[in-house]
Amino acid sequence: MAENIVTIRAEIGASVWKIAAPAGTALAEDDAIIILESMKMEIPVMAPHAGTVVEILVEEGQQVEEGQAVATFRA
């Protein structure tokens, strides 16, 4: 069976407030990987399905653009 690795992207331009799940973390569907902050609102970036975070591509405090890759995730 081939590995299913997906790229997780920011849905909004924002600041990376917190990395909730570092690389190697196993998550259930809809668990937060990263929490973005924009206009004093927290916007979680969620796992699309159960799996494991492969790599975090951003750092806390970094500005990200809408559509920017923020993590990779393995089913």
Protein backbone atom coordinates (compact mmCIF):
# COMPACT_ATOMS: atom_id res chain seq x y z
CA MET A 1 0.00 0.00 0.00
CA ALA A 2 1.43 3.39 -0.95
CA GLU A 3 1.77 6.03 1.71
CA ASN A 4 -0.83 8.75 1.55
CA ILE A 5 1.04 11.97 2.40
CA VAL A 6 -0.93 15.19 2.06
CA THR A 7 0.14 18.80 2.31
CA ILE A 8 -1.80 20.83 4.86
CA ARG A 9 -2.30 24.47 3.84
CA ALA A 10 -3.33 27.62 5.69
CA GLU A 11 -6.89 28.66 4.89
CA ILE A 12 -6.20 32.30 5.73
CA GLY A 13 -3.32 34.73 5.91
CA ALA A 14 -2.39 34.84 9.60
CA SER A 15 0.31 34.43 12.21
CA VAL A 16 1.28 30.98 13.53
CA TRP A 17 0.21 31.29 17.16
CA LYS A 18 0.94 27.72 18.31
CA ILE A 19 2.16 24.42 16.92
CA ALA A 20 -0.30 22.06 18.59
CA ALA A 21 1.09 18.80 17.17
CA PRO A 22 4.81 18.53 16.38
CA ALA A 23 6.19 16.05 13.82
CA GLY A 24 5.57 12.46 14.84
CA THR A 25 2.30 13.19 16.65
CA ALA A 26 -0.57 10.78 15.94
CA LEU A 27 -3.90 12.57 15.53
CA ALA A 28 -7.56 11.76 15.07
CA GLU A 29 -9.60 13.41 12.33
CA ASP A 30 -10.20 17.10 13.13
CA ASP A 31 -7.49 17.34 15.82
CA ALA A 32 -5.57 20.63 15.62
CA ILE A 33 -2.12 20.57 14.01
CA ILE A 34 -1.41 24.30 14.12
CA ILE A 35 -3.33 27.25 15.55
CA LEU A 36 -3.26 30.45 13.53
CA GLU A 37 -4.14 33.89 14.89
CA SER A 38 -5.73 36.64 12.86
CA MET A 39 -7.48 39.73 14.19
CA LYS A 40 -7.44 38.25 17.73
CA MET A 41 -9.25 35.10 16.55
CA GLU A 42 -7.73 31.62 16.85
CA ILE A 43 -8.11 29.53 13.70
CA PRO A 44 -7.16 25.86 14.07
CA VAL A 45 -5.64 23.99 11.13
CA MET A 46 -7.11 20.51 11.49
CA ALA A 47 -6.04 16.99 10.56
CA PRO A 48 -8.05 15.92 7.48
CA HIS A 49 -8.30 12.35 8.81
CA ALA A 50 -6.61 10.13 11.38
CA GLY A 51 -2.87 9.87 10.85
CA THR A 52 0.54 11.25 11.81
CA VAL A 53 2.16 14.64 11.38
CA VAL A 54 5.21 14.11 9.13
CA GLU A 55 6.69 17.61 9.14
CA ILE A 56 5.85 21.10 10.36
CA LEU A 57 6.88 23.65 7.71
CA VAL A 58 6.42 26.84 9.77
CA GLU A 59 7.51 28.26 13.13
CA GLU A 60 5.54 29.91 15.91
CA GLY A 61 5.29 33.65 15.26
CA GLN A 62 5.74 33.28 11.50
CA GLN A 63 3.33 35.02 9.13
CA VAL A 64 1.70 32.70 6.58
CA GLU A 65 -0.26 33.47 3.44
CA GLU A 66 -3.55 31.90 2.41
CA GLY A 67 -2.78 28.59 0.69
CA GLN A 68 0.77 28.34 2.07
CA ALA A 69 1.91 24.83 3.03
CA VAL A 70 2.21 24.59 6.83
CA ALA A 71 2.62 20.83 7.42
CA THR A 72 2.69 17.40 5.81
CA PHE A 73 0.48 14.60 7.11
CA ARG A 74 0.40 10.83 6.58
CA ALA A 75 -2.80 8.77 6.64
